[in-house]
Amino acid sequence: MDLTTFGIDNGFVEAKLRGYRSTFLDKKQYTDLKNFNSLEEVYSFLSTETDYGQYIDLNNVSINALKMMLKKKLADEINYIEMNCMKELA
């Protein structure tokens, strides 16, 4: 791969991936999560303090619902990247 032309075809996708990487929970957020006493607190934190907010349904508070919502966010991001990749990268 020629690095002088990489950005032409794949620069947008690389930038989106870097952006997605910056939304991972950091050490402080993990520490905060460990200190919560209820699932409602976890939901509230994820919906307000992270990029998971649009996927969190505060009316359906359960472990299984949380797992499904988090998987959906990941799947949506992967699908978005795949749709925007050039043939070779996809």
PDB file of N, CA and C in Angstrom:
ATOM      1  N   MET A   1       0.846  -1.176   0.000  1.00  0.00           N
ATOM      2  CA  MET A   1       0.000   0.000   0.000  1.00  0.00           C
ATOM      3  C   MET A   1       0.890   1.239   0.000  1.00  0.00           C
ATOM      4  N   ASP A   2       0.579   2.150  -0.869  1.00  0.00           N
ATOM      5  CA  ASP A   2       1.330   3.391  -0.986  1.00  0.00           C
ATOM      6  C   ASP A   2       0.761   4.418  -0.006  1.00  0.00           C
ATOM      7  N   LEU A   3       1.557   4.833   0.945  1.00  0.00           N
ATOM      8  CA  LEU A   3       1.079   5.753   1.977  1.00  0.00           C
ATOM      9  C   LEU A   3       0.795   7.152   1.454  1.00  0.00           C
ATOM     10  N   THR A   4       1.312   7.485   0.273  1.00  0.00           N
ATOM     11  CA  THR A   4       1.041   8.817  -0.265  1.00  0.00           C
ATOM     12  C   THR A   4      -0.394   8.956  -0.753  1.00  0.00           C
ATOM     13  N   THR A   5      -1.051   7.848  -1.063  1.00  0.00           N
ATOM     14  CA  THR A   5      -2.441   7.902  -1.534  1.00  0.00           C
ATOM     15  C   THR A   5      -3.419   7.220  -0.588  1.00  0.00           C
ATOM     16  N   PHE A   6      -2.942   6.752   0.552  1.00  0.00           N
ATOM     17  CA  PHE A   6      -3.817   6.043   1.495  1.00  0.00           C
ATOM     18  C   PHE A   6      -4.994   6.897   1.926  1.00  0.00           C
ATOM     19  N   GLY A   7      -4.739   8.155   2.228  1.00  0.00           N
ATOM     20  CA  GLY A   7      -5.792   9.038   2.722  1.00  0.00           C
ATOM     21  C   GLY A   7      -6.891   9.308   1.710  1.00  0.00           C
ATOM     22  N   ILE A   8      -6.607   9.183   0.439  1.00  0.00           N
ATOM     23  CA  ILE A   8      -7.605   9.447  -0.595  1.00  0.00           C
ATOM     24  C   ILE A   8      -8.758   8.455  -0.496  1.00  0.00           C
ATOM     25  N   ASP A   9      -8.422   7.184  -0.400  1.00  0.00           N
ATOM     26  CA  ASP A   9      -9.453   6.148  -0.374  1.00  0.00           C
ATOM     27  C   ASP A   9      -9.907   5.782   1.029  1.00  0.00           C
ATOM     28  N   ASN A  10      -9.013   5.800   1.985  1.00  0.00           N
ATOM     29  CA  ASN A  10      -9.316   5.251   3.301  1.00  0.00           C
ATOM     30  C   ASN A  10      -9.181   6.235   4.453  1.00  0.00           C
ATOM     31  N   GLY A  11      -8.921   7.486   4.169  1.00  0.00           N
ATOM     32  CA  GLY A  11      -8.720   8.475   5.224  1.00  0.00           C
ATOM     33  C   GLY A  11      -9.953   8.695   6.084  1.00  0.00           C
ATOM     34  N   PHE A  12     -11.127   8.731   5.449  1.00  0.00           N
ATOM     35  CA  PHE A  12     -12.362   8.932   6.212  1.00  0.00           C
ATOM     36  C   PHE A  12     -12.592   7.782   7.179  1.00  0.00           C
ATOM     37  N   VAL A  13     -12.416   6.567   6.696  1.00  0.00           N
ATOM     38  CA  VAL A  13     -12.641   5.389   7.540  1.00  0.00           C
ATOM     39  C   VAL A  13     -11.641   5.358   8.686  1.00  0.00           C
ATOM     40  N   GLU A  14     -10.390   5.690   8.406  1.00  0.00           N
ATOM     41  CA  GLU A  14      -9.389   5.716   9.469  1.00  0.00           C
ATOM     42  C   GLU A  14      -9.755   6.753  10.525  1.00  0.00           C
ATOM     43  N   ALA A  15     -10.211   7.917  10.095  1.00  0.00           N
ATOM     44  CA  ALA A  15     -10.605   8.965  11.037  1.00  0.00           C
ATOM     45  C   ALA A  15     -11.793   8.519  11.885  1.00  0.00           C
ATOM     46  N   LYS A  16     -12.774   7.861  11.281  1.00  0.00           N
ATOM     47  CA  LYS A  16     -13.928   7.362  12.038  1.00  0.00           C
ATOM     48  C   LYS A  16     -13.480   6.317  13.065  1.00  0.00           C
ATOM     49  N   LEU A  17     -12.586   5.414  12.670  1.00  0.00           N
ATOM     50  CA  LEU A  17     -12.093   4.403  13.604  1.00  0.00           C
ATOM     51  C   LEU A  17     -11.358   5.050  14.771  1.00  0.00           C
ATOM     52  N   ARG A  18     -10.565   6.064  14.495  1.00  0.00           N
ATOM     53  CA  ARG A  18      -9.884   6.774  15.580  1.00  0.00           C
ATOM     54  C   ARG A  18     -10.904   7.446  16.493  1.00  0.00           C
ATOM     55  N   GLY A  19     -11.948   7.980  15.902  1.00  0.00           N
ATOM     56  CA  GLY A  19     -13.006   8.592  16.691  1.00  0.00           C
ATOM     57  C   GLY A  19     -13.724   7.579  17.560  1.00  0.00           C
ATOM     58  N   TYR A  20     -14.025   6.421  16.992  1.00  0.00           N
ATOM     59  CA  TYR A  20     -14.666   5.363  17.780  1.00  0.00           C
ATOM     60  C   TYR A  20     -13.757   4.915  18.924  1.00  0.00           C
ATOM     61  N   ARG A  21     -12.480   4.831  18.641  1.00  0.00           N
ATOM     62  CA  ARG A  21     -11.533   4.419  19.688  1.00  0.00           C
ATOM     63  C   ARG A  21     -11.510   5.414  20.845  1.00  0.00           C
ATOM     64  N   SER A  22     -11.692   6.670  20.536  1.00  0.00           N
ATOM     65  CA  SER A  22     -11.665   7.680  21.596  1.00  0.00           C
ATOM     66  C   SER A  22     -12.916   7.619  22.481  1.00  0.00           C
ATOM     67  N   THR A  23     -13.938   6.868  22.065  1.00  0.00           N
ATOM     68  CA  THR A  23     -15.156   6.761  22.871  1.00  0.00           C
ATOM     69  C   THR A  23     -15.121   5.572  23.825  1.00  0.00           C
ATOM     70  N   PHE A  24     -14.049   4.796  23.779  1.00  0.00           N
ATOM     71  CA  PHE A  24     -13.935   3.687  24.733  1.00  0.00           C
ATOM     72  C   PHE A  24     -13.924   4.246  26.149  1.00  0.00           C
ATOM     73  N   LEU A  25     -14.423   3.476  27.088  1.00  0.00           N
ATOM     74  CA  LEU A  25     -14.401   3.913  28.480  1.00  0.00           C
ATOM     75  C   LEU A  25     -12.962   3.972  28.968  1.00  0.00           C
ATOM     76  N   ASP A  26     -12.648   5.032  29.689  1.00  0.00           N
ATOM     77  CA  ASP A  26     -11.298   5.173  30.223  1.00  0.00           C
ATOM     78  C   ASP A  26     -11.227   4.623  31.649  1.00  0.00           C
ATOM     79  N   LYS A  27     -10.051   4.684  32.232  1.00  0.00           N
ATOM     80  CA  LYS A  27      -9.827   4.105  33.555  1.00  0.00           C
ATOM     81  C   LYS A  27     -10.718   4.742  34.621  1.00  0.00           C
ATOM     82  N   LYS A  28     -10.893   6.064  34.556  1.00  0.00           N
ATOM     83  CA  LYS A  28     -11.739   6.745  35.536  1.00  0.00           C
ATOM     84  C   LYS A  28     -13.197   6.304  35.411  1.00  0.00           C
ATOM     85  N   GLN A  29     -13.672   6.167  34.200  1.00  0.00           N
ATOM     86  CA  GLN A  29     -15.053   5.722  33.989  1.00  0.00           C
ATOM     87  C   GLN A  29     -15.254   4.295  34.497  1.00  0.00           C
ATOM     88  N   TYR A  30     -14.292   3.417  34.260  1.00  0.00           N
ATOM     89  CA  TYR A  30     -14.381   2.053  34.795  1.00  0.00           C
ATOM     90  C   TYR A  30     -14.396   2.063  36.318  1.00  0.00           C
ATOM     91  N   THR A  31     -13.567   2.918  36.906  1.00  0.00           N
ATOM     92  CA  THR A  31     -13.548   3.026  38.363  1.00  0.00           C
ATOM     93  C   THR A  31     -14.903   3.504  38.881  1.00  0.00           C
ATOM     94  N   ASP A  32     -15.473   4.483  38.208  1.00  0.00           N
ATOM     95  CA  ASP A  32     -16.801   4.958  38.597  1.00  0.00           C
ATOM     96  C   ASP A  32     -17.832   3.833  38.499  1.00  0.00           C
ATOM     97  N   LEU A  33     -17.780   3.064  37.431  1.00  0.00           N
ATOM     98  CA  LEU A  33     -18.734   1.962  37.248  1.00  0.00           C
ATOM     99  C   LEU A  33     -18.628   0.927  38.363  1.00  0.00           C
ATOM    100  N   LYS A  34     -17.415   0.663  38.803  1.00  0.00           N
ATOM    101  CA  LYS A  34     -17.226  -0.327  39.874  1.00  0.00           C
ATOM    102  C   LYS A  34     -17.825   0.127  41.196  1.00  0.00           C
ATOM    103  N   ASN A  35     -17.971   1.425  41.382  1.00  0.00           N
ATOM    104  CA  ASN A  35     -18.462   1.955  42.648  1.00  0.00           C
ATOM    105  C   ASN A  35     -19.980   2.084  42.723  1.00  0.00           C
ATOM    106  N   PHE A  36     -20.674   1.813  41.629  1.00  0.00           N
ATOM    107  CA  PHE A  36     -22.135   1.920  41.650  1.00  0.00           C
ATOM    108  C   PHE A  36     -22.740   0.728  42.372  1.00  0.00           C
ATOM    109  N   ASN A  37     -23.873   0.967  43.030  1.00  0.00           N
ATOM    110  CA  ASN A  37     -24.529  -0.071  43.818  1.00  0.00           C
ATOM    111  C   ASN A  37     -25.735  -0.694  43.134  1.00  0.00           C
ATOM    112  N   SER A  38     -26.192  -0.086  42.049  1.00  0.00           N
ATOM    113  CA  SER A  38     -27.381  -0.629  41.387  1.00  0.00           C
ATOM    114  C   SER A  38     -27.232  -0.533  39.876  1.00  0.00           C
ATOM    115  N   LEU A  39     -28.005  -1.346  39.206  1.00  0.00           N
ATOM    116  CA  LEU A  39     -28.007  -1.340  37.750  1.00  0.00           C
ATOM    117  C   LEU A  39     -28.567  -0.024  37.202  1.00  0.00           C
ATOM    118  N   GLU A  40     -29.484   0.584  37.929  1.00  0.00           N
ATOM    119  CA  GLU A  40     -30.044   1.871  37.517  1.00  0.00           C
ATOM    120  C   GLU A  40     -28.961   2.948  37.477  1.00  0.00           C
ATOM    121  N   GLU A  41     -28.051   2.907  38.446  1.00  0.00           N
ATOM    122  CA  GLU A  41     -26.941   3.866  38.456  1.00  0.00           C
ATOM    123  C   GLU A  41     -26.026   3.658  37.255  1.00  0.00           C
ATOM    124  N   VAL A  42     -25.781   2.407  36.903  1.00  0.00           N
ATOM    125  CA  VAL A  42     -24.952   2.100  35.735  1.00  0.00           C
ATOM    126  C   VAL A  42     -25.624   2.634  34.478  1.00  0.00           C
ATOM    127  N   TYR A  43     -26.912   2.367  34.342  1.00  0.00           N
ATOM    128  CA  TYR A  43     -27.668   2.860  33.187  1.00  0.00           C
ATOM    129  C   TYR A  43     -27.605   4.379  33.104  1.00  0.00           C
ATOM    130  N   SER A  44     -27.829   5.032  34.219  1.00  0.00           N
ATOM    131  CA  SER A  44     -27.818   6.486  34.251  1.00  0.00           C
ATOM    132  C   SER A  44     -26.451   7.025  33.841  1.00  0.00           C
ATOM    133  N   PHE A  45     -25.405   6.438  34.372  1.00  0.00           N
ATOM    134  CA  PHE A  45     -24.049   6.864  34.038  1.00  0.00           C
ATOM    135  C   PHE A  45     -23.766   6.665  32.551  1.00  0.00           C
ATOM    136  N   LEU A  46     -24.075   5.488  32.034  1.00  0.00           N
ATOM    137  CA  LEU A  46     -23.808   5.205  30.624  1.00  0.00           C
ATOM    138  C   LEU A  46     -24.616   6.113  29.699  1.00  0.00           C
ATOM    139  N   SER A  47     -25.826   6.442  30.111  1.00  0.00           N
ATOM    140  CA  SER A  47     -26.666   7.259  29.240  1.00  0.00           C
ATOM    141  C   SER A  47     -26.280   8.732  29.241  1.00  0.00           C
ATOM    142  N   THR A  48     -25.636   9.204  30.314  1.00  0.00           N
ATOM    143  CA  THR A  48     -25.306  10.626  30.385  1.00  0.00           C
ATOM    144  C   THR A  48     -23.823  10.929  30.194  1.00  0.00           C
ATOM    145  N   GLU A  49     -22.966  10.034  30.618  1.00  0.00           N
ATOM    146  CA  GLU A  49     -21.529  10.323  30.630  1.00  0.00           C
ATOM    147  C   GLU A  49     -20.737   9.662  29.504  1.00  0.00           C
ATOM    148  N   THR A  50     -21.390   8.888  28.659  1.00  0.00           N
ATOM    149  CA  THR A  50     -20.686   8.173  27.602  1.00  0.00           C
ATOM    150  C   THR A  50     -21.434   8.301  26.282  1.00  0.00           C
ATOM    151  N   ASP A  51     -20.843   7.763  25.233  1.00  0.00           N
ATOM    152  CA  ASP A  51     -21.480   7.767  23.919  1.00  0.00           C
ATOM    153  C   ASP A  51     -22.506   6.643  23.761  1.00  0.00           C
ATOM    154  N   TYR A  52     -22.750   5.899  24.810  1.00  0.00           N
ATOM    155  CA  TYR A  52     -23.749   4.832  24.757  1.00  0.00           C
ATOM    156  C   TYR A  52     -25.161   5.379  24.972  1.00  0.00           C
ATOM    157  N   GLY A  53     -25.287   6.661  25.259  1.00  0.00           N
ATOM    158  CA  GLY A  53     -26.553   7.261  25.640  1.00  0.00           C
ATOM    159  C   GLY A  53     -27.706   7.006  24.697  1.00  0.00           C
ATOM    160  N   GLN A  54     -27.467   7.101  23.402  1.00  0.00           N
ATOM    161  CA  GLN A  54     -28.566   6.915  22.459  1.00  0.00           C
ATOM    162  C   GLN A  54     -29.018   5.466  22.363  1.00  0.00           C
ATOM    163  N   TYR A  55     -28.244   4.550  22.899  1.00  0.00           N
ATOM    164  CA  TYR A  55     -28.604   3.137  22.858  1.00  0.00           C
ATOM    165  C   TYR A  55     -29.230   2.649  24.160  1.00  0.00           C
ATOM    166  N   ILE A  56     -29.082   3.427  25.215  1.00  0.00           N
ATOM    167  CA  ILE A  56     -29.580   3.026  26.531  1.00  0.00           C
ATOM    168  C   ILE A  56     -31.071   3.330  26.639  1.00  0.00           C
ATOM    169  N   ASP A  57     -31.837   2.317  27.036  1.00  0.00           N
ATOM    170  CA  ASP A  57     -33.271   2.474  27.263  1.00  0.00           C
ATOM    171  C   ASP A  57     -33.505   2.410  28.766  1.00  0.00           C
ATOM    172  N   LEU A  58     -33.764   3.560  29.367  1.00  0.00           N
ATOM    173  CA  LEU A  58     -33.934   3.630  30.818  1.00  0.00           C
ATOM    174  C   LEU A  58     -35.218   2.955  31.292  1.00  0.00           C
ATOM    175  N   ASN A  59     -36.107   2.608  30.381  1.00  0.00           N
ATOM    176  CA  ASN A  59     -37.344   1.915  30.748  1.00  0.00           C
ATOM    177  C   ASN A  59     -37.178   0.404  30.809  1.00  0.00           C
ATOM    178  N   ASN A  60     -36.080  -0.091  30.298  1.00  0.00           N
ATOM    179  CA  ASN A  60     -35.827  -1.530  30.268  1.00  0.00           C
ATOM    180  C   ASN A  60     -34.486  -1.806  30.947  1.00  0.00           C
ATOM    181  N   VAL A  61     -34.482  -1.832  32.273  1.00  0.00           N
ATOM    182  CA  VAL A  61     -33.250  -1.974  33.041  1.00  0.00           C
ATOM    183  C   VAL A  61     -33.044  -3.439  33.404  1.00  0.00           C
ATOM    184  N   SER A  62     -32.134  -4.080  32.682  1.00  0.00           N
ATOM    185  CA  SER A  62     -31.755  -5.457  32.990  1.00  0.00           C
ATOM    186  C   SER A  62     -30.384  -5.727  32.376  1.00  0.00           C
ATOM    187  N   ILE A  63     -29.742  -6.753  32.869  1.00  0.00           N
ATOM    188  CA  ILE A  63     -28.423  -7.116  32.352  1.00  0.00           C
ATOM    189  C   ILE A  63     -28.518  -7.514  30.887  1.00  0.00           C
ATOM    190  N   ASN A  64     -29.501  -8.335  30.536  1.00  0.00           N
ATOM    191  CA  ASN A  64     -29.639  -8.790  29.151  1.00  0.00           C
ATOM    192  C   ASN A  64     -29.928  -7.630  28.213  1.00  0.00           C
ATOM    193  N   ALA A  65     -30.781  -6.705  28.637  1.00  0.00           N
ATOM    194  CA  ALA A  65     -31.080  -5.540  27.806  1.00  0.00           C
ATOM    195  C   ALA A  65     -29.825  -4.694  27.608  1.00  0.00           C
ATOM    196  N   LEU A  66     -29.039  -4.529  28.653  1.00  0.00           N
ATOM    197  CA  LEU A  66     -27.802  -3.758  28.557  1.00  0.00           C
ATOM    198  C   LEU A  66     -26.830  -4.416  27.581  1.00  0.00           C
ATOM    199  N   LYS A  67     -26.674  -5.736  27.687  1.00  0.00           N
ATOM    200  CA  LYS A  67     -25.785  -6.443  26.766  1.00  0.00           C
ATOM    201  C   LYS A  67     -26.239  -6.274  25.322  1.00  0.00           C
ATOM    202  N   MET A  68     -27.529  -6.371  25.092  1.00  0.00           N
ATOM    203  CA  MET A  68     -28.050  -6.226  23.735  1.00  0.00           C
ATOM    204  C   MET A  68     -27.828  -4.814  23.200  1.00  0.00           C
ATOM    205  N   MET A  69     -28.033  -3.807  24.049  1.00  0.00           N
ATOM    206  CA  MET A  69     -27.835  -2.420  23.619  1.00  0.00           C
ATOM    207  C   MET A  69     -26.371  -2.146  23.285  1.00  0.00           C
ATOM    208  N   LEU A  70     -25.478  -2.649  24.111  1.00  0.00           N
ATOM    209  CA  LEU A  70     -24.050  -2.423  23.872  1.00  0.00           C
ATOM    210  C   LEU A  70     -23.583  -3.160  22.624  1.00  0.00           C
ATOM    211  N   LYS A  71     -24.095  -4.362  22.402  1.00  0.00           N
ATOM    212  CA  LYS A  71     -23.770  -5.105  21.178  1.00  0.00           C
ATOM    213  C   LYS A  71     -24.310  -4.390  19.951  1.00  0.00           C
ATOM    214  N   LYS A  72     -25.498  -3.801  20.072  1.00  0.00           N
ATOM    215  CA  LYS A  72     -26.083  -3.075  18.945  1.00  0.00           C
ATOM    216  C   LYS A  72     -25.222  -1.869  18.576  1.00  0.00           C
ATOM    217  N   LYS A  73     -24.718  -1.159  19.571  1.00  0.00           N
ATOM    218  CA  LYS A  73     -23.845  -0.010  19.294  1.00  0.00           C
ATOM    219  C   LYS A  73     -22.607  -0.461  18.531  1.00  0.00           C
ATOM    220  N   LEU A  74     -21.984  -1.532  19.002  1.00  0.00           N
ATOM    221  CA  LEU A  74     -20.793  -2.046  18.332  1.00  0.00           C
ATOM    222  C   LEU A  74     -21.116  -2.496  16.913  1.00  0.00           C
ATOM    223  N   ALA A  75     -22.211  -3.208  16.746  1.00  0.00           N
ATOM    224  CA  ALA A  75     -22.601  -3.687  15.412  1.00  0.00           C
ATOM    225  C   ALA A  75     -22.888  -2.522  14.473  1.00  0.00           C
ATOM    226  N   ASP A  76     -23.555  -1.484  14.963  1.00  0.00           N
ATOM    227  CA  ASP A  76     -23.839  -0.314  14.134  1.00  0.00           C
ATOM    228  C   ASP A  76     -22.552   0.369  13.679  1.00  0.00           C
ATOM    229  N   GLU A  77     -21.595   0.473  14.576  1.00  0.00           N
ATOM    230  CA  GLU A  77     -20.324   1.103  14.224  1.00  0.00           C
ATOM    231  C   GLU A  77     -19.561   0.264  13.207  1.00  0.00           C
ATOM    232  N   ILE A  78     -19.535  -1.029  13.390  1.00  0.00           N
ATOM    233  CA  ILE A  78     -18.843  -1.916  12.441  1.00  0.00           C
ATOM    234  C   ILE A  78     -19.516  -1.850  11.079  1.00  0.00           C
ATOM    235  N   ASN A  79     -20.839  -1.887  11.051  1.00  0.00           N
ATOM    236  CA  ASN A  79     -21.561  -1.808   9.777  1.00  0.00           C
ATOM    237  C   ASN A  79     -21.302  -0.482   9.077  1.00  0.00           C
ATOM    238  N   TYR A  80     -21.250   0.611   9.836  1.00  0.00           N
ATOM    239  CA  TYR A  80     -20.983   1.925   9.250  1.00  0.00           C
ATOM    240  C   TYR A  80     -19.599   1.949   8.605  1.00  0.00           C
ATOM    241  N   ILE A  81     -18.621   1.427   9.310  1.00  0.00           N
ATOM    242  CA  ILE A  81     -17.255   1.379   8.768  1.00  0.00           C
ATOM    243  C   ILE A  81     -17.219   0.512   7.520  1.00  0.00           C
ATOM    244  N   GLU A  82     -17.841  -0.651   7.573  1.00  0.00           N
ATOM    245  CA  GLU A  82     -17.829  -1.566   6.437  1.00  0.00           C
ATOM    246  C   GLU A  82     -18.496  -0.930   5.206  1.00  0.00           C
ATOM    247  N   MET A  83     -19.591  -0.213   5.421  1.00  0.00           N
ATOM    248  CA  MET A  83     -20.278   0.427   4.296  1.00  0.00           C
ATOM    249  C   MET A  83     -19.456   1.535   3.649  1.00  0.00           C
ATOM    250  N   ASN A  84     -18.553   2.144   4.411  1.00  0.00           N
ATOM    251  CA  ASN A  84     -17.777   3.253   3.892  1.00  0.00           C
ATOM    252  C   ASN A  84     -16.384   2.870   3.426  1.00  0.00           C
ATOM    253  N   CYS A  85     -16.033   1.598   3.526  1.00  0.00           N
ATOM    254  CA  CYS A  85     -14.720   1.137   3.094  1.00  0.00           C
ATOM    255  C   CYS A  85     -14.675   0.953   1.573  1.00  0.00           C
ATOM    256  N   MET A  86     -13.513   1.160   1.049  1.00  0.00           N
ATOM    257  CA  MET A  86     -13.285   0.830  -0.352  1.00  0.00           C
ATOM    258  C   MET A  86     -13.216  -0.688  -0.479  1.00  0.00           C
ATOM    259  N   LYS A  87     -13.302  -1.205  -1.654  1.00  0.00           N
ATOM    260  CA  LYS A  87     -13.347  -2.664  -1.862  1.00  0.00           C
ATOM    261  C   LYS A  87     -12.214  -3.403  -1.156  1.00  0.00           C
ATOM    262  N   GLU A  88     -10.993  -2.933  -1.363  1.00  0.00           N
ATOM    263  CA  GLU A  88      -9.850  -3.652  -0.815  1.00  0.00           C
ATOM    264  C   GLU A  88      -9.871  -3.698   0.709  1.00  0.00           C
ATOM    265  N   LEU A  89     -10.265  -2.620   1.344  1.00  0.00           N
ATOM    266  CA  LEU A  89     -10.274  -2.547   2.800  1.00  0.00           C
ATOM    267  C   LEU A  89     -11.433  -3.338   3.389  1.00  0.00           C
ATOM    268  N   ALA A  90     -12.571  -3.341   2.703  1.00  0.00           N
ATOM    269  CA  ALA A  90     -13.742  -4.073   3.182  1.00  0.00           C
ATOM    270  C   ALA A  90     -13.458  -5.551   3.158  1.00  0.00           C
TER     271      ALA A  90
END
